[in-house]
All heavy atoms as atom14 arrays in JSON, in Angstrom:
{
  "sequence": "SGSFFRLNAMGWYRQGPGKQRELVAQITSGGSTNYADSVKGRFTISR",
  "atom14_mask": [
    [1, 1, 1, 1, 1, 1, 0, 0, 0, 0, 0, 0, 0, 0],
    [1, 1, 1, 1, 0, 0, 0, 0, 0, 0, 0, 0, 0, 0],
    [1, 1, 1, 1, 1, 1, 0, 0, 0, 0, 0, 0, 0, 0],
    [1, 1, 1, 1, 1, 1, 1, 1, 1, 1, 1, 0, 0, 0],
    [1, 1, 1, 1, 1, 1, 1, 1, 1, 1, 1, 0, 0, 0],
    [1, 1, 1, 1, 1, 1, 1, 1, 1, 1, 1, 0, 0, 0],
    [1, 1, 1, 1, 1, 1, 1, 1, 0, 0, 0, 0, 0, 0],
    [1, 1, 1, 1, 1, 1, 1, 1, 0, 0, 0, 0, 0, 0],
    [1, 1, 1, 1, 1, 0, 0, 0, 0, 0, 0, 0, 0, 0],
    [1, 1, 1, 1, 1, 1, 1, 1, 0, 0, 0, 0, 0, 0],
    [1, 1, 1, 1, 0, 0, 0, 0, 0, 0, 0, 0, 0, 0],
    [1, 1, 1, 1, 1, 1, 1, 1, 1, 1, 1, 1, 1, 1],
    [1, 1, 1, 1, 1, 1, 1, 1, 1, 1, 1, 1, 0, 0],
    [1, 1, 1, 1, 1, 1, 1, 1, 1, 1, 1, 0, 0, 0],
    [1, 1, 1, 1, 1, 1, 1, 1, 1, 0, 0, 0, 0, 0],
    [1, 1, 1, 1, 0, 0, 0, 0, 0, 0, 0, 0, 0, 0],
    [1, 1, 1, 1, 1, 1, 1, 0, 0, 0, 0, 0, 0, 0],
    [1, 1, 1, 1, 0, 0, 0, 0, 0, 0, 0, 0, 0, 0],
    [1, 1, 1, 1, 1, 1, 1, 1, 1, 0, 0, 0, 0, 0],
    [1, 1, 1, 1, 1, 1, 1, 1, 1, 0, 0, 0, 0, 0],
    [1, 1, 1, 1, 1, 1, 1, 1, 1, 1, 1, 0, 0, 0],
    [1, 1, 1, 1, 1, 1, 1, 1, 1, 0, 0, 0, 0, 0],
    [1, 1, 1, 1, 1, 1, 1, 1, 0, 0, 0, 0, 0, 0],
    [1, 1, 1, 1, 1, 1, 1, 0, 0, 0, 0, 0, 0, 0],
    [1, 1, 1, 1, 1, 0, 0, 0, 0, 0, 0, 0, 0, 0],
    [1, 1, 1, 1, 1, 1, 1, 1, 1, 0, 0, 0, 0, 0],
    [1, 1, 1, 1, 1, 1, 1, 1, 0, 0, 0, 0, 0, 0],
    [1, 1, 1, 1, 1, 1, 1, 0, 0, 0, 0, 0, 0, 0],
    [1, 1, 1, 1, 1, 1, 0, 0, 0, 0, 0, 0, 0, 0],
    [1, 1, 1, 1, 0, 0, 0, 0, 0, 0, 0, 0, 0, 0],
    [1, 1, 1, 1, 0, 0, 0, 0, 0, 0, 0, 0, 0, 0],
    [1, 1, 1, 1, 1, 1, 0, 0, 0, 0, 0, 0, 0, 0],
    [1, 1, 1, 1, 1, 1, 1, 0, 0, 0, 0, 0, 0, 0],
    [1, 1, 1, 1, 1, 1, 1, 1, 0, 0, 0, 0, 0, 0],
    [1, 1, 1, 1, 1, 1, 1, 1, 1, 1, 1, 1, 0, 0],
    [1, 1, 1, 1, 1, 0, 0, 0, 0, 0, 0, 0, 0, 0],
    [1, 1, 1, 1, 1, 1, 1, 1, 0, 0, 0, 0, 0, 0],
    [1, 1, 1, 1, 1, 1, 0, 0, 0, 0, 0, 0, 0, 0],
    [1, 1, 1, 1, 1, 1, 1, 0, 0, 0, 0, 0, 0, 0],
    [1, 1, 1, 1, 1, 1, 1, 1, 1, 0, 0, 0, 0, 0],
    [1, 1, 1, 1, 0, 0, 0, 0, 0, 0, 0, 0, 0, 0],
    [1, 1, 1, 1, 1, 1, 1, 1, 1, 1, 1, 0, 0, 0],
    [1, 1, 1, 1, 1, 1, 1, 1, 1, 1, 1, 0, 0, 0],
    [1, 1, 1, 1, 1, 1, 1, 0, 0, 0, 0, 0, 0, 0],
    [1, 1, 1, 1, 1, 1, 1, 1, 0, 0, 0, 0, 0, 0],
    [1, 1, 1, 1, 1, 1, 0, 0, 0, 0, 0, 0, 0, 0],
    [1, 1, 1, 1, 1, 1, 1, 1, 1, 1, 1, 0, 0, 0]
  ],
  "atom14_positions": [
    [[-34.46, -79.36, 42.62], [-35.36, -78.54, 43.42], [-36.77, -78.66, 42.86], [-36.98, -79.18, 41.77], [-34.92, -77.07, 43.42], [-34.95, -76.53, 42.12], [0.0, 0.0, 0.0], [0.0, 0.0, 0.0], [0.0, 0.0, 0.0], [0.0, 0.0, 0.0], [0.0, 0.0, 0.0], [0.0, 0.0, 0.0], [0.0, 0.0, 0.0], [0.0, 0.0, 0.0]],
    [[-37.72, -78.18, 43.62], [-39.1, -78.23, 43.2], [-39.95, -79.01, 44.17], [-39.62, -79.13, 45.35], [0.0, 0.0, 0.0], [0.0, 0.0, 0.0], [0.0, 0.0, 0.0], [0.0, 0.0, 0.0], [0.0, 0.0, 0.0], [0.0, 0.0, 0.0], [0.0, 0.0, 0.0], [0.0, 0.0, 0.0], [0.0, 0.0, 0.0], [0.0, 0.0, 0.0]],
    [[-41.03, -79.54, 43.65], [-41.98, -80.27, 44.47], [-41.96, -81.74, 44.09], [-42.27, -82.09, 42.96], [-43.39, -79.69, 44.3], [-44.33, -80.4, 45.07], [0.0, 0.0, 0.0], [0.0, 0.0, 0.0], [0.0, 0.0, 0.0], [0.0, 0.0, 0.0], [0.0, 0.0, 0.0], [0.0, 0.0, 0.0], [0.0, 0.0, 0.0], [0.0, 0.0, 0.0]],
    [[-41.58, -82.57, 45.01], [-41.56, -84.0, 44.78], [-41.58, -84.72, 46.12], [-41.18, -84.16, 47.14], [-40.34, -84.43, 43.97], [-39.03, -83.93, 44.52], [-38.37, -84.64, 45.5], [-38.48, -82.75, 44.05], [-37.16, -84.18, 46.02], [-37.27, -82.29, 44.56], [-36.62, -83.0, 45.55], [0.0, 0.0, 0.0], [0.0, 0.0, 0.0], [0.0, 0.0, 0.0]],
    [[-42.03, -85.93, 46.07], [-42.07, -86.74, 47.27], [-40.76, -87.47, 47.52], [-40.27, -87.53, 48.64], [-43.22, -87.75, 47.19], [-43.27, -88.72, 48.35], [-43.59, -88.28, 49.62], [-42.99, -90.06, 48.17], [-43.64, -89.15, 50.69], [-43.03, -90.95, 49.23], [-43.36, -90.5, 50.5], [0.0, 0.0, 0.0], [0.0, 0.0, 0.0], [0.0, 0.0, 0.0]],
    [[-40.19, -87.99, 46.46], [-38.98, -88.77, 46.59], [-38.18, -88.74, 45.3], [-38.73, -88.87, 44.22], [-39.31, -90.22, 46.94], [-38.12, -91.13, 47.09], [-38.54, -92.6, 47.17], [-39.34, -92.86, 48.36], [-40.62, -93.19, 48.34], [-41.28, -93.31, 47.18], [-41.27, -93.42, 49.48], [0.0, 0.0, 0.0], [0.0, 0.0, 0.0], [0.0, 0.0, 0.0]],
    [[-36.89, -88.56, 45.43], [-35.99, -88.75, 44.32], [-35.51, -90.19, 44.3], [-35.04, -90.7, 45.31], [-34.78, -87.81, 44.42], [-35.03, -86.32, 44.25], [-33.73, -85.55, 44.46], [-35.61, -86.02, 42.88], [0.0, 0.0, 0.0], [0.0, 0.0, 0.0], [0.0, 0.0, 0.0], [0.0, 0.0, 0.0], [0.0, 0.0, 0.0], [0.0, 0.0, 0.0]],
    [[-35.64, -90.81, 43.17], [-35.2, -92.19, 43.04], [-33.82, -92.2, 42.38], [-32.91, -91.53, 42.86], [-36.24, -92.99, 42.27], [-37.57, -93.01, 42.99], [-37.66, -93.42, 44.15], [-38.62, -92.56, 42.32], [0.0, 0.0, 0.0], [0.0, 0.0, 0.0], [0.0, 0.0, 0.0], [0.0, 0.0, 0.0], [0.0, 0.0, 0.0], [0.0, 0.0, 0.0]],
    [[-33.65, -92.95, 41.32], [-32.35, -92.99, 40.68], [-32.01, -91.63, 40.07], [-32.87, -90.92, 39.55], [-32.32, -94.06, 39.6], [0.0, 0.0, 0.0], [0.0, 0.0, 0.0], [0.0, 0.0, 0.0], [0.0, 0.0, 0.0], [0.0, 0.0, 0.0], [0.0, 0.0, 0.0], [0.0, 0.0, 0.0], [0.0, 0.0, 0.0], [0.0, 0.0, 0.0]],
    [[-30.75, -91.28, 40.15], [-30.23, -90.08, 39.51], [-29.03, -90.47, 38.67], [-28.35, -91.46, 38.97], [-29.83, -89.03, 40.54], [-30.95, -88.61, 41.47], [-30.48, -87.29, 42.62], [-30.45, -85.87, 41.5], [0.0, 0.0, 0.0], [0.0, 0.0, 0.0], [0.0, 0.0, 0.0], [0.0, 0.0, 0.0], [0.0, 0.0, 0.0], [0.0, 0.0, 0.0]],
    [[-28.8, -89.72, 37.63], [-27.69, -90.08, 36.78], [-27.23, -88.96, 35.88], [-27.77, -87.86, 35.89], [0.0, 0.0, 0.0], [0.0, 0.0, 0.0], [0.0, 0.0, 0.0], [0.0, 0.0, 0.0], [0.0, 0.0, 0.0], [0.0, 0.0, 0.0], [0.0, 0.0, 0.0], [0.0, 0.0, 0.0], [0.0, 0.0, 0.0], [0.0, 0.0, 0.0]],
    [[-26.21, -89.29, 35.14], [-25.64, -88.38, 34.16], [-25.63, -89.06, 32.8], [-25.21, -90.22, 32.67], [-24.22, -87.97, 34.53], [-24.15, -87.07, 35.71], [-24.01, -87.43, 37.02], [-24.23, -85.64, 35.69], [-23.99, -86.31, 37.82], [-24.12, -85.2, 37.04], [-24.37, -84.69, 34.68], [-24.15, -83.85, 37.38], [-24.4, -83.36, 35.03], [-24.29, -82.95, 36.36]],
    [[-26.08, -88.34, 31.81], [-26.02, -88.75, 30.43], [-25.19, -87.75, 29.66], [-24.95, -86.63, 30.12], [-27.42, -88.84, 29.82], [-28.27, -89.98, 30.35], [-28.81, -89.94, 31.63], [-28.55, -91.08, 29.55], [-29.59, -90.98, 32.11], [-29.34, -92.12, 30.01], [-29.86, -92.06, 31.3], [-30.64, -93.09, 31.76], [0.0, 0.0, 0.0], [0.0, 0.0, 0.0]],
    [[-24.78, -88.13, 28.48], [-24.05, -87.2, 27.65], [-24.38, -87.44, 26.19], [-24.78, -88.53, 25.79], [-22.54, -87.3, 27.86], [-21.91, -88.6, 27.38], [-20.44, -88.65, 27.76], [-19.8, -89.87, 27.28], [-18.57, -90.24, 27.59], [-17.83, -89.46, 28.39], [-18.06, -91.36, 27.11], [0.0, 0.0, 0.0], [0.0, 0.0, 0.0], [0.0, 0.0, 0.0]],
    [[-24.21, -86.4, 25.41], [-24.41, -86.48, 23.98], [-23.27, -85.74, 23.3], [-23.17, -84.52, 23.38], [-25.76, -85.89, 23.57], [-26.08, -86.1, 22.1], [-27.54, -85.82, 21.79], [-28.27, -85.27, 22.61], [-27.98, -86.22, 20.61], [0.0, 0.0, 0.0], [0.0, 0.0, 0.0], [0.0, 0.0, 0.0], [0.0, 0.0, 0.0], [0.0, 0.0, 0.0]],
    [[-22.41, -86.49, 22.66], [-21.29, -85.91, 21.96], [-21.64, -85.56, 20.53], [-22.72, -85.9, 20.04], [0.0, 0.0, 0.0], [0.0, 0.0, 0.0], [0.0, 0.0, 0.0], [0.0, 0.0, 0.0], [0.0, 0.0, 0.0], [0.0, 0.0, 0.0], [0.0, 0.0, 0.0], [0.0, 0.0, 0.0], [0.0, 0.0, 0.0], [0.0, 0.0, 0.0]],
    [[-20.73, -84.87, 19.85], [-20.98, -84.48, 18.46], [-21.24, -85.7, 17.58], [-20.44, -86.63, 17.55], [-19.68, -83.78, 18.06], [-19.07, -83.34, 19.36], [-19.43, -84.41, 20.33], [0.0, 0.0, 0.0], [0.0, 0.0, 0.0], [0.0, 0.0, 0.0], [0.0, 0.0, 0.0], [0.0, 0.0, 0.0], [0.0, 0.0, 0.0], [0.0, 0.0, 0.0]],
    [[-22.36, -85.69, 16.91], [-22.7, -86.78, 16.03], [-23.05, -88.07, 16.74], [-23.13, -89.12, 16.08], [0.0, 0.0, 0.0], [0.0, 0.0, 0.0], [0.0, 0.0, 0.0], [0.0, 0.0, 0.0], [0.0, 0.0, 0.0], [0.0, 0.0, 0.0], [0.0, 0.0, 0.0], [0.0, 0.0, 0.0], [0.0, 0.0, 0.0], [0.0, 0.0, 0.0]],
    [[-23.26, -88.01, 18.02], [-23.56, -89.2, 18.81], [-24.96, -89.12, 19.4], [-25.54, -88.05, 19.56], [-22.55, -89.35, 19.94], [-21.11, -89.45, 19.5], [-20.81, -90.79, 18.88], [-19.32, -90.93, 18.61], [-18.99, -92.26, 18.03], [0.0, 0.0, 0.0], [0.0, 0.0, 0.0], [0.0, 0.0, 0.0], [0.0, 0.0, 0.0], [0.0, 0.0, 0.0]],
    [[-25.48, -90.28, 19.72], [-26.73, -90.33, 20.45], [-26.47, -90.19, 21.94], [-25.36, -90.43, 22.42], [-27.47, -91.64, 20.17], [-28.02, -91.77, 18.77], [-28.89, -92.98, 18.6], [-28.47, -94.1, 18.88], [-30.12, -92.77, 18.16], [0.0, 0.0, 0.0], [0.0, 0.0, 0.0], [0.0, 0.0, 0.0], [0.0, 0.0, 0.0], [0.0, 0.0, 0.0]],
    [[-27.49, -89.8, 22.64], [-27.37, -89.69, 24.08], [-27.05, -91.04, 24.7], [-27.64, -92.05, 24.31], [-28.67, -89.13, 24.67], [-28.62, -88.89, 26.17], [-30.0, -88.52, 26.69], [-30.94, -89.62, 26.53], [-32.23, -89.56, 26.8], [-32.77, -88.42, 27.25], [-33.01, -90.62, 26.64], [0.0, 0.0, 0.0], [0.0, 0.0, 0.0], [0.0, 0.0, 0.0]],
    [[-26.15, -91.06, 25.63], [-25.78, -92.3, 26.28], [-25.68, -92.1, 27.78], [-25.38, -91.01, 28.27], [-24.44, -92.82, 25.75], [-23.26, -91.92, 26.06], [-21.93, -92.53, 25.66], [-21.9, -93.74, 25.35], [-20.91, -91.8, 25.65], [0.0, 0.0, 0.0], [0.0, 0.0, 0.0], [0.0, 0.0, 0.0], [0.0, 0.0, 0.0], [0.0, 0.0, 0.0]],
    [[-25.93, -93.16, 28.48], [-25.78, -93.15, 29.93], [-24.31, -93.13, 30.29], [-23.52, -93.92, 29.77], [-26.45, -94.38, 30.54], [-26.23, -94.58, 32.05], [-26.97, -93.5, 32.84], [-26.7, -95.96, 32.48], [0.0, 0.0, 0.0], [0.0, 0.0, 0.0], [0.0, 0.0, 0.0], [0.0, 0.0, 0.0], [0.0, 0.0, 0.0], [0.0, 0.0, 0.0]],
    [[-23.95, -92.23, 31.17], [-22.59, -92.17, 31.69], [-22.5, -92.88, 33.03], [-21.66, -93.76, 33.23], [-22.11, -90.72, 31.83], [-20.7, -90.67, 32.42], [-22.16, -90.01, 30.49], [0.0, 0.0, 0.0], [0.0, 0.0, 0.0], [0.0, 0.0, 0.0], [0.0, 0.0, 0.0], [0.0, 0.0, 0.0], [0.0, 0.0, 0.0], [0.0, 0.0, 0.0]],
    [[-23.37, -92.5, 33.93], [-23.38, -93.1, 35.25], [-24.71, -92.83, 35.91], [-25.37, -91.82, 35.62], [-22.25, -92.53, 36.12], [0.0, 0.0, 0.0], [0.0, 0.0, 0.0], [0.0, 0.0, 0.0], [0.0, 0.0, 0.0], [0.0, 0.0, 0.0], [0.0, 0.0, 0.0], [0.0, 0.0, 0.0], [0.0, 0.0, 0.0], [0.0, 0.0, 0.0]],
    [[-25.12, -93.73, 36.76], [-26.32, -93.51, 37.54], [-26.14, -94.08, 38.93], [-25.3, -94.95, 39.15], [-27.55, -94.12, 36.85], [-27.54, -95.63, 36.76], [-28.77, -96.18, 36.07], [-28.71, -97.18, 35.38], [-29.9, -95.51, 36.25], [0.0, 0.0, 0.0], [0.0, 0.0, 0.0], [0.0, 0.0, 0.0], [0.0, 0.0, 0.0], [0.0, 0.0, 0.0]],
    [[-26.94, -93.58, 39.83], [-26.87, -94.02, 41.21], [-28.27, -94.08, 41.77], [-29.09, -93.19, 41.57], [-25.96, -93.08, 42.04], [-25.81, -93.59, 43.47], [-26.46, -91.64, 42.01], [-24.7, -92.88, 44.24], [0.0, 0.0, 0.0], [0.0, 0.0, 0.0], [0.0, 0.0, 0.0], [0.0, 0.0, 0.0], [0.0, 0.0, 0.0], [0.0, 0.0, 0.0]],
    [[-28.57, -95.16, 42.46], [-29.88, -95.33, 43.05], [-29.95, -94.63, 44.4], [-28.94, -94.17, 44.94], [-30.22, -96.81, 43.23], [-29.38, -97.36, 44.26], [-30.0, -97.58, 41.94], [0.0, 0.0, 0.0], [0.0, 0.0, 0.0], [0.0, 0.0, 0.0], [0.0, 0.0, 0.0], [0.0, 0.0, 0.0], [0.0, 0.0, 0.0], [0.0, 0.0, 0.0]],
    [[-31.14, -94.56, 44.92], [-31.3, -93.97, 46.24], [-30.56, -94.75, 47.31], [-30.21, -94.2, 48.35], [-32.79, -93.87, 46.59], [-33.4, -95.15, 46.61], [0.0, 0.0, 0.0], [0.0, 0.0, 0.0], [0.0, 0.0, 0.0], [0.0, 0.0, 0.0], [0.0, 0.0, 0.0], [0.0, 0.0, 0.0], [0.0, 0.0, 0.0], [0.0, 0.0, 0.0]],
    [[-30.33, -96.03, 47.05], [-29.6, -96.86, 47.98], [-28.1, -96.83, 47.79], [-27.37, -97.46, 48.57], [0.0, 0.0, 0.0], [0.0, 0.0, 0.0], [0.0, 0.0, 0.0], [0.0, 0.0, 0.0], [0.0, 0.0, 0.0], [0.0, 0.0, 0.0], [0.0, 0.0, 0.0], [0.0, 0.0, 0.0], [0.0, 0.0, 0.0], [0.0, 0.0, 0.0]],
    [[-27.63, -96.12, 46.78], [-26.21, -95.97, 46.58], [-25.59, -96.9, 45.55], [-24.37, -96.83, 45.33], [0.0, 0.0, 0.0], [0.0, 0.0, 0.0], [0.0, 0.0, 0.0], [0.0, 0.0, 0.0], [0.0, 0.0, 0.0], [0.0, 0.0, 0.0], [0.0, 0.0, 0.0], [0.0, 0.0, 0.0], [0.0, 0.0, 0.0], [0.0, 0.0, 0.0]],
    [[-26.37, -97.76, 44.94], [-25.83, -98.63, 43.9], [-25.5, -97.81, 42.66], [-26.25, -96.9, 42.29], [-26.82, -99.73, 43.55], [-27.06, -100.57, 44.66], [0.0, 0.0, 0.0], [0.0, 0.0, 0.0], [0.0, 0.0, 0.0], [0.0, 0.0, 0.0], [0.0, 0.0, 0.0], [0.0, 0.0, 0.0], [0.0, 0.0, 0.0], [0.0, 0.0, 0.0]],
    [[-24.4, -98.12, 42.02], [-23.95, -97.35, 40.88], [-23.82, -98.2, 39.63], [-23.64, -99.42, 39.7], [-22.6, -96.67, 41.16], [-21.63, -97.68, 41.5], [-22.73, -95.69, 42.32], [0.0, 0.0, 0.0], [0.0, 0.0, 0.0], [0.0, 0.0, 0.0], [0.0, 0.0, 0.0], [0.0, 0.0, 0.0], [0.0, 0.0, 0.0], [0.0, 0.0, 0.0]],
    [[-23.9, -97.53, 38.51], [-23.74, -98.16, 37.22], [-23.02, -97.19, 36.31], [-23.38, -96.01, 36.25], [-25.1, -98.54, 36.63], [-25.0, -99.25, 35.3], [-24.12, -100.1, 35.11], [-25.89, -98.93, 34.38], [0.0, 0.0, 0.0], [0.0, 0.0, 0.0], [0.0, 0.0, 0.0], [0.0, 0.0, 0.0], [0.0, 0.0, 0.0], [0.0, 0.0, 0.0]],
    [[-22.0, -97.66, 35.61], [-21.19, -96.82, 34.76], [-21.1, -97.38, 33.35], [-21.11, -98.59, 33.15], [-19.76, -96.69, 35.29], [-19.64, -96.02, 36.63], [-19.63, -96.76, 37.8], [-19.52, -94.64, 36.73], [-19.51, -96.15, 39.03], [-19.39, -94.02, 37.96], [-19.38, -94.78, 39.11], [-19.25, -94.16, 40.33], [0.0, 0.0, 0.0], [0.0, 0.0, 0.0]],
    [[-21.0, -96.47, 32.41], [-20.67, -96.89, 31.06], [-19.26, -97.46, 31.06], [-18.38, -97.0, 31.79], [-20.76, -95.71, 30.1], [0.0, 0.0, 0.0], [0.0, 0.0, 0.0], [0.0, 0.0, 0.0], [0.0, 0.0, 0.0], [0.0, 0.0, 0.0], [0.0, 0.0, 0.0], [0.0, 0.0, 0.0], [0.0, 0.0, 0.0], [0.0, 0.0, 0.0]],
    [[-19.04, -98.47, 30.23], [-17.73, -99.09, 30.18], [-16.62, -98.09, 29.86], [-15.5, -98.21, 30.35], [-17.72, -100.21, 29.14], [-18.51, -101.42, 29.58], [-18.76, -101.58, 30.79], [-18.89, -102.22, 28.7], [0.0, 0.0, 0.0], [0.0, 0.0, 0.0], [0.0, 0.0, 0.0], [0.0, 0.0, 0.0], [0.0, 0.0, 0.0], [0.0, 0.0, 0.0]],
    [[-16.95, -97.11, 29.06], [-15.95, -96.15, 28.62], [-15.45, -95.23, 29.73], [-14.4, -94.59, 29.57], [-16.5, -95.3, 27.47], [-17.65, -94.58, 27.88], [0.0, 0.0, 0.0], [0.0, 0.0, 0.0], [0.0, 0.0, 0.0], [0.0, 0.0, 0.0], [0.0, 0.0, 0.0], [0.0, 0.0, 0.0], [0.0, 0.0, 0.0], [0.0, 0.0, 0.0]],
    [[-16.16, -95.16, 30.83], [-15.76, -94.25, 31.9], [-15.42, -94.96, 33.2], [-15.01, -94.31, 34.16], [-16.85, -93.19, 32.18], [-17.23, -92.46, 30.9], [-18.07, -93.81, 32.83], [0.0, 0.0, 0.0], [0.0, 0.0, 0.0], [0.0, 0.0, 0.0], [0.0, 0.0, 0.0], [0.0, 0.0, 0.0], [0.0, 0.0, 0.0], [0.0, 0.0, 0.0]],
    [[-15.57, -96.26, 33.22], [-15.26, -97.01, 34.43], [-13.81, -96.79, 34.84], [-12.9, -96.85, 34.02], [-15.53, -98.5, 34.23], [-17.0, -98.86, 34.18], [-17.19, -100.35, 33.99], [-18.66, -100.72, 33.96], [-18.87, -102.17, 33.71], [0.0, 0.0, 0.0], [0.0, 0.0, 0.0], [0.0, 0.0, 0.0], [0.0, 0.0, 0.0], [0.0, 0.0, 0.0]],
    [[-13.62, -96.55, 36.11], [-12.29, -96.3, 36.63], [-11.84, -94.87, 36.54], [-10.83, -94.5, 37.14], [0.0, 0.0, 0.0], [0.0, 0.0, 0.0], [0.0, 0.0, 0.0], [0.0, 0.0, 0.0], [0.0, 0.0, 0.0], [0.0, 0.0, 0.0], [0.0, 0.0, 0.0], [0.0, 0.0, 0.0], [0.0, 0.0, 0.0], [0.0, 0.0, 0.0]],
    [[-12.57, -94.06, 35.79], [-12.21, -92.65, 35.63], [-13.24, -91.71, 36.24], [-12.89, -90.66, 36.77], [-12.04, -92.3, 34.15], [-10.96, -93.1, 33.45], [-10.7, -92.57, 32.04], [-11.87, -92.7, 31.18], [-12.48, -91.67, 30.58], [-12.04, -90.44, 30.76], [-13.53, -91.89, 29.79], [0.0, 0.0, 0.0], [0.0, 0.0, 0.0], [0.0, 0.0, 0.0]],
    [[-14.5, -92.08, 36.15], [-15.58, -91.24, 36.66], [-16.17, -91.86, 37.92], [-16.23, -93.09, 38.06], [-16.7, -91.11, 35.63], [-16.34, -90.32, 34.4], [-15.04, -89.91, 34.15], [-17.33, -90.0, 33.49], [-14.73, -89.19, 33.01], [-17.03, -89.28, 32.34], [-15.73, -88.87, 32.1], [0.0, 0.0, 0.0], [0.0, 0.0, 0.0], [0.0, 0.0, 0.0]],
    [[-16.63, -91.01, 38.8], [-17.28, -91.45, 40.02], [-18.54, -90.62, 40.25], [-18.47, -89.39, 40.26], [-16.36, -91.32, 41.24], [-15.16, -92.07, 41.03], [-17.07, -91.85, 42.49], [0.0, 0.0, 0.0], [0.0, 0.0, 0.0], [0.0, 0.0, 0.0], [0.0, 0.0, 0.0], [0.0, 0.0, 0.0], [0.0, 0.0, 0.0], [0.0, 0.0, 0.0]],
    [[-19.64, -91.3, 40.42], [-20.89, -90.62, 40.7], [-21.2, -90.73, 42.19], [-20.91, -91.75, 42.83], [-22.04, -91.19, 39.85], [-23.3, -90.32, 39.98], [-22.34, -92.64, 40.21], [-24.39, -90.68, 38.99], [0.0, 0.0, 0.0], [0.0, 0.0, 0.0], [0.0, 0.0, 0.0], [0.0, 0.0, 0.0], [0.0, 0.0, 0.0], [0.0, 0.0, 0.0]],
    [[-21.75, -89.68, 42.73], [-22.13, -89.67, 44.14], [-23.35, -88.8, 44.32], [-23.69, -87.99, 43.45], [-20.98, -89.17, 45.01], [-20.61, -87.84, 44.67], [0.0, 0.0, 0.0], [0.0, 0.0, 0.0], [0.0, 0.0, 0.0], [0.0, 0.0, 0.0], [0.0, 0.0, 0.0], [0.0, 0.0, 0.0], [0.0, 0.0, 0.0], [0.0, 0.0, 0.0]],
    [[-24.01, -88.96, 45.43], [-25.19, -88.15, 45.7], [-25.26, -87.82, 47.17], [-24.72, -88.54, 48.02], [-26.47, -88.85, 45.24], [-26.83, -90.1, 46.04], [-28.0, -90.85, 45.4], [-29.24, -90.09, 45.45], [-30.35, -90.44, 44.79], [-30.35, -91.52, 44.02], [-31.45, -89.7, 44.91], [0.0, 0.0, 0.0], [0.0, 0.0, 0.0], [0.0, 0.0, 0.0]]
  ]
}
């Protein structure tokens, strides 16, 4: 929410205990997706 002209890519990151932040999944405005290898086949991102 808020004031913006366009939302572009959106995604999810995570940071576990003692870990650095990592990309989990992202999705472009056109619907292309990218997943971390560790979650492929288990997680699904949508917008």
